[in-house]
Amino acid sequence: MKKIVVLSFAMLLLFAASAQAGKIAIVNSIQAVSESKAGQSVGAEVNKKKSAYEAEVKAQQEKVNNLKKRLQQMGAQYQSGMIKEDQLRKAQQEYASAGAQLNVLGEMSTMNFKKDVQKLQAPIKKLFLQVVNKYAKEQGFDVVIDVVRGGVAYADDSVNITDVVIKEMDKQWKK
């Protein structure tokens, strides 16, 4: 339902702008960001962060797996009378604690990764909007619709400013 409202609103804006004989352009924000140097730079940083979080979770998962194997061995030893019940319980508690730590680590890693991605992407989003606004004003566009969010069903290639936006982002990206 929300998509229909958004699409309807976008189409209304499009028709209103064209009814006033305005100049309309489209841009693909995902393409502009992902193909720009800024987007590629941030993409590399995001991948590094992701790998670091994954490595941390993987290490804890391996610890849990090792404790599980140990616990299974101790269960067999307990059955045969080789170890006491308190030793088995201690191993069970250690395994349960490590499993709980793994769950918390997984949740925290996901939350922290999302925050890191948002922080890394914020300057690019700002740059994208600045470039689009400046270019639209310079070229006399009344409306620029993001095809990713605007619900454009058809647009002539001549109104697509994505390549220009990529070039301008590349020029303005501070390394």
Protein backbone atom coordinates (compact mmCIF):
# COMPACT_ATOMS: atom_id res chain seq x y z
CA MET A 1 0.00 0.00 0.00
CA LYS A 2 2.81 2.40 0.93
CA LYS A 3 4.55 1.68 -2.39
CA ILE A 4 1.38 2.55 -4.30
CA VAL A 5 1.09 5.86 -2.47
CA VAL A 6 4.75 6.69 -3.11
CA LEU A 7 4.48 5.70 -6.77
CA SER A 8 1.28 7.68 -7.18
CA PHE A 9 2.87 10.73 -5.59
CA ALA A 10 5.95 10.42 -7.82
CA MET A 11 3.77 10.13 -10.90
CA LEU A 12 1.71 13.12 -9.76
CA LEU A 13 4.90 15.15 -9.41
CA LEU A 14 6.04 13.99 -12.81
CA PHE A 15 2.77 14.95 -14.49
CA ALA A 16 2.57 18.25 -12.64
CA ALA A 17 6.09 19.14 -13.70
CA SER A 18 5.52 18.16 -17.31
CA ALA A 19 2.19 20.01 -17.40
CA GLN A 20 4.12 23.18 -16.64
CA ALA A 21 6.47 22.39 -19.53
CA GLY A 22 9.28 21.85 -17.03
CA LYS A 23 12.52 20.12 -17.74
CA ILE A 24 12.77 16.68 -16.14
CA ALA A 25 15.77 14.42 -15.57
CA ILE A 26 16.26 11.03 -14.00
CA VAL A 27 19.17 9.67 -12.04
CA ASN A 28 19.96 6.22 -10.71
CA SER A 29 21.30 6.79 -7.19
CA ILE A 30 22.54 3.23 -6.72
CA GLN A 31 24.44 3.29 -10.01
CA ALA A 32 25.85 6.76 -9.33
CA VAL A 33 27.10 5.80 -5.89
CA SER A 34 28.37 2.33 -6.75
CA GLU A 35 30.20 3.42 -9.93
CA SER A 36 31.71 6.59 -8.51
CA LYS A 37 35.17 6.61 -6.95
CA ALA A 38 33.57 7.69 -3.69
CA GLY A 39 31.22 4.71 -3.71
CA GLN A 40 33.96 2.28 -4.63
CA SER A 41 36.20 3.65 -1.89
CA VAL A 42 33.47 3.29 0.71
CA GLY A 43 32.53 -0.13 -0.66
CA ALA A 44 36.07 -1.32 0.01
CA GLU A 45 35.93 0.04 3.57
CA VAL A 46 32.55 -1.64 4.13
CA ASN A 47 34.00 -4.95 2.95
CA LYS A 48 36.96 -4.58 5.34
CA LYS A 49 34.61 -3.89 8.27
CA LYS A 50 32.41 -6.84 7.28
CA SER A 51 35.41 -9.18 7.12
CA ALA A 52 36.62 -8.06 10.55
CA TYR A 53 33.22 -8.64 12.16
CA GLU A 54 32.87 -12.00 10.42
CA ALA A 55 36.31 -13.10 11.62
CA GLU A 56 35.43 -12.23 15.21
CA VAL A 57 32.16 -14.18 15.05
CA LYS A 58 33.87 -17.10 13.31
CA ALA A 59 36.48 -17.32 16.07
CA GLN A 60 33.77 -17.47 18.73
CA GLN A 61 31.86 -20.07 16.67
CA GLU A 62 34.98 -22.23 16.53
CA LYS A 63 35.35 -21.92 20.30
CA VAL A 64 31.74 -23.07 20.76
CA ASN A 65 32.27 -25.99 18.35
CA ASN A 66 35.42 -27.08 20.22
CA LEU A 67 33.61 -26.89 23.54
CA LYS A 68 30.76 -28.96 22.11
CA LYS A 69 33.20 -31.69 20.99
CA ARG A 70 34.87 -31.61 24.39
CA LEU A 71 31.50 -31.85 26.11
CA GLN A 72 30.53 -34.86 23.98
CA GLN A 73 33.81 -36.57 24.88
CA MET A 74 33.28 -35.79 28.55
CA GLY A 75 29.76 -37.18 28.34
CA ALA A 76 31.18 -40.49 27.16
CA GLN A 77 33.83 -40.35 29.89
CA TYR A 78 31.16 -39.68 32.50
CA GLN A 79 29.11 -42.63 31.23
CA SER A 80 32.11 -44.88 31.65
CA GLY A 81 32.86 -43.46 35.11
CA MET A 82 36.14 -41.79 34.13
CA ILE A 83 35.10 -38.31 35.31
CA LYS A 84 32.84 -36.97 38.04
CA GLU A 85 29.48 -35.31 37.52
CA ASP A 86 30.72 -31.90 38.69
CA GLN A 87 33.36 -31.92 35.94
CA LEU A 88 30.68 -32.64 33.35
CA ARG A 89 28.44 -29.88 34.72
CA LYS A 90 31.30 -27.39 34.61
CA ALA A 91 31.90 -28.26 30.94
CA GLN A 92 28.14 -27.90 30.24
CA GLN A 93 28.12 -24.47 31.86
CA GLU A 94 31.19 -23.39 29.91
CA TYR A 95 29.57 -24.53 26.65
CA ALA A 96 26.29 -22.76 27.46
CA SER A 97 28.15 -19.57 28.39
CA ALA A 98 30.18 -19.62 25.16
CA GLY A 99 26.98 -20.16 23.15
CA ALA A 100 25.32 -17.21 24.83
CA GLN A 101 28.42 -15.09 24.16
CA LEU A 102 28.26 -16.12 20.51
CA ASN A 103 24.63 -14.98 20.27
CA VAL A 104 25.40 -11.62 21.88
CA LEU A 105 28.49 -11.17 19.71
CA GLY A 106 26.46 -11.91 16.58
CA GLU A 107 23.78 -9.38 17.50
CA MET A 108 26.32 -6.72 18.50
CA SER A 109 28.37 -7.30 15.35
CA THR A 110 25.29 -6.87 13.16
CA MET A 111 24.26 -3.71 14.99
CA ASN A 112 27.77 -2.23 14.93
CA PHE A 113 28.26 -3.12 11.26
CA LYS A 114 25.01 -1.35 10.32
CA LYS A 115 26.15 1.74 12.25
CA ASP A 116 29.55 1.64 10.55
CA VAL A 117 27.95 1.36 7.11
CA GLN A 118 25.64 4.30 7.79
CA LYS A 119 28.56 6.39 9.02
CA LEU A 120 30.67 5.51 5.97
CA GLN A 121 27.82 6.14 3.51
CA ALA A 122 26.64 9.47 4.97
CA PRO A 123 29.26 11.64 3.20
CA ILE A 124 28.54 9.96 -0.14
CA LYS A 125 24.80 10.46 0.20
CA LYS A 126 25.42 14.11 0.99
CA LEU A 127 27.79 14.46 -1.97
CA PHE A 128 25.29 12.77 -4.28
CA LEU A 129 22.53 15.19 -3.32
CA GLN A 130 24.85 18.19 -3.62
CA VAL A 131 25.98 17.14 -7.10
CA VAL A 132 22.44 16.41 -8.30
CA ASN A 133 21.12 19.72 -6.95
CA LYS A 134 23.96 21.75 -8.45
CA TYR A 135 23.75 20.03 -11.83
CA ALA A 136 19.97 20.34 -11.97
CA LYS A 137 20.14 24.06 -11.23
CA GLU A 138 22.91 24.64 -13.76
CA GLN A 139 21.06 22.73 -16.47
CA GLY A 140 17.66 24.22 -15.68
CA PHE A 141 15.92 21.02 -14.61
CA ASP A 142 12.71 21.49 -12.72
CA VAL A 143 12.57 17.91 -11.49
CA VAL A 144 15.13 15.15 -11.11
CA ILE A 145 13.66 11.79 -10.25
CA ASP A 146 15.69 9.00 -8.71
CA VAL A 147 14.68 5.89 -10.68
CA VAL A 148 15.50 3.74 -7.66
CA ARG A 149 13.03 5.50 -5.38
CA GLY A 150 10.76 7.41 -7.75
CA GLY A 151 8.99 4.61 -9.53
CA VAL A 152 9.73 5.75 -13.09
CA ALA A 153 8.27 3.34 -15.61
CA TYR A 154 9.80 5.01 -18.68
CA ALA A 155 12.24 7.77 -19.31
CA ASP A 156 14.17 8.73 -22.39
CA ASP A 157 17.92 8.20 -22.04
CA SER A 158 18.48 11.85 -22.87
CA VAL A 159 17.10 12.86 -19.46
CA ASN A 160 19.29 10.41 -17.51
CA ILE A 161 22.01 12.41 -15.74
CA THR A 162 23.54 9.47 -13.82
CA ASP A 163 26.82 9.45 -15.79
CA VAL A 164 27.29 13.19 -15.27
CA VAL A 165 26.59 12.79 -11.56
CA ILE A 166 29.21 10.02 -11.33
CA LYS A 167 31.82 12.24 -13.02
CA GLU A 168 31.03 15.18 -10.75
CA MET A 169 31.15 12.99 -7.65
CA ASP A 170 34.53 11.69 -8.77
CA LYS A 171 35.82 15.24 -9.21
CA GLN A 172 34.60 16.35 -5.79
CA TRP A 173 35.52 13.21 -3.81
CA LYS A 174 38.25 13.93 -1.31
CA LYS A 175 40.62 11.00 -0.99
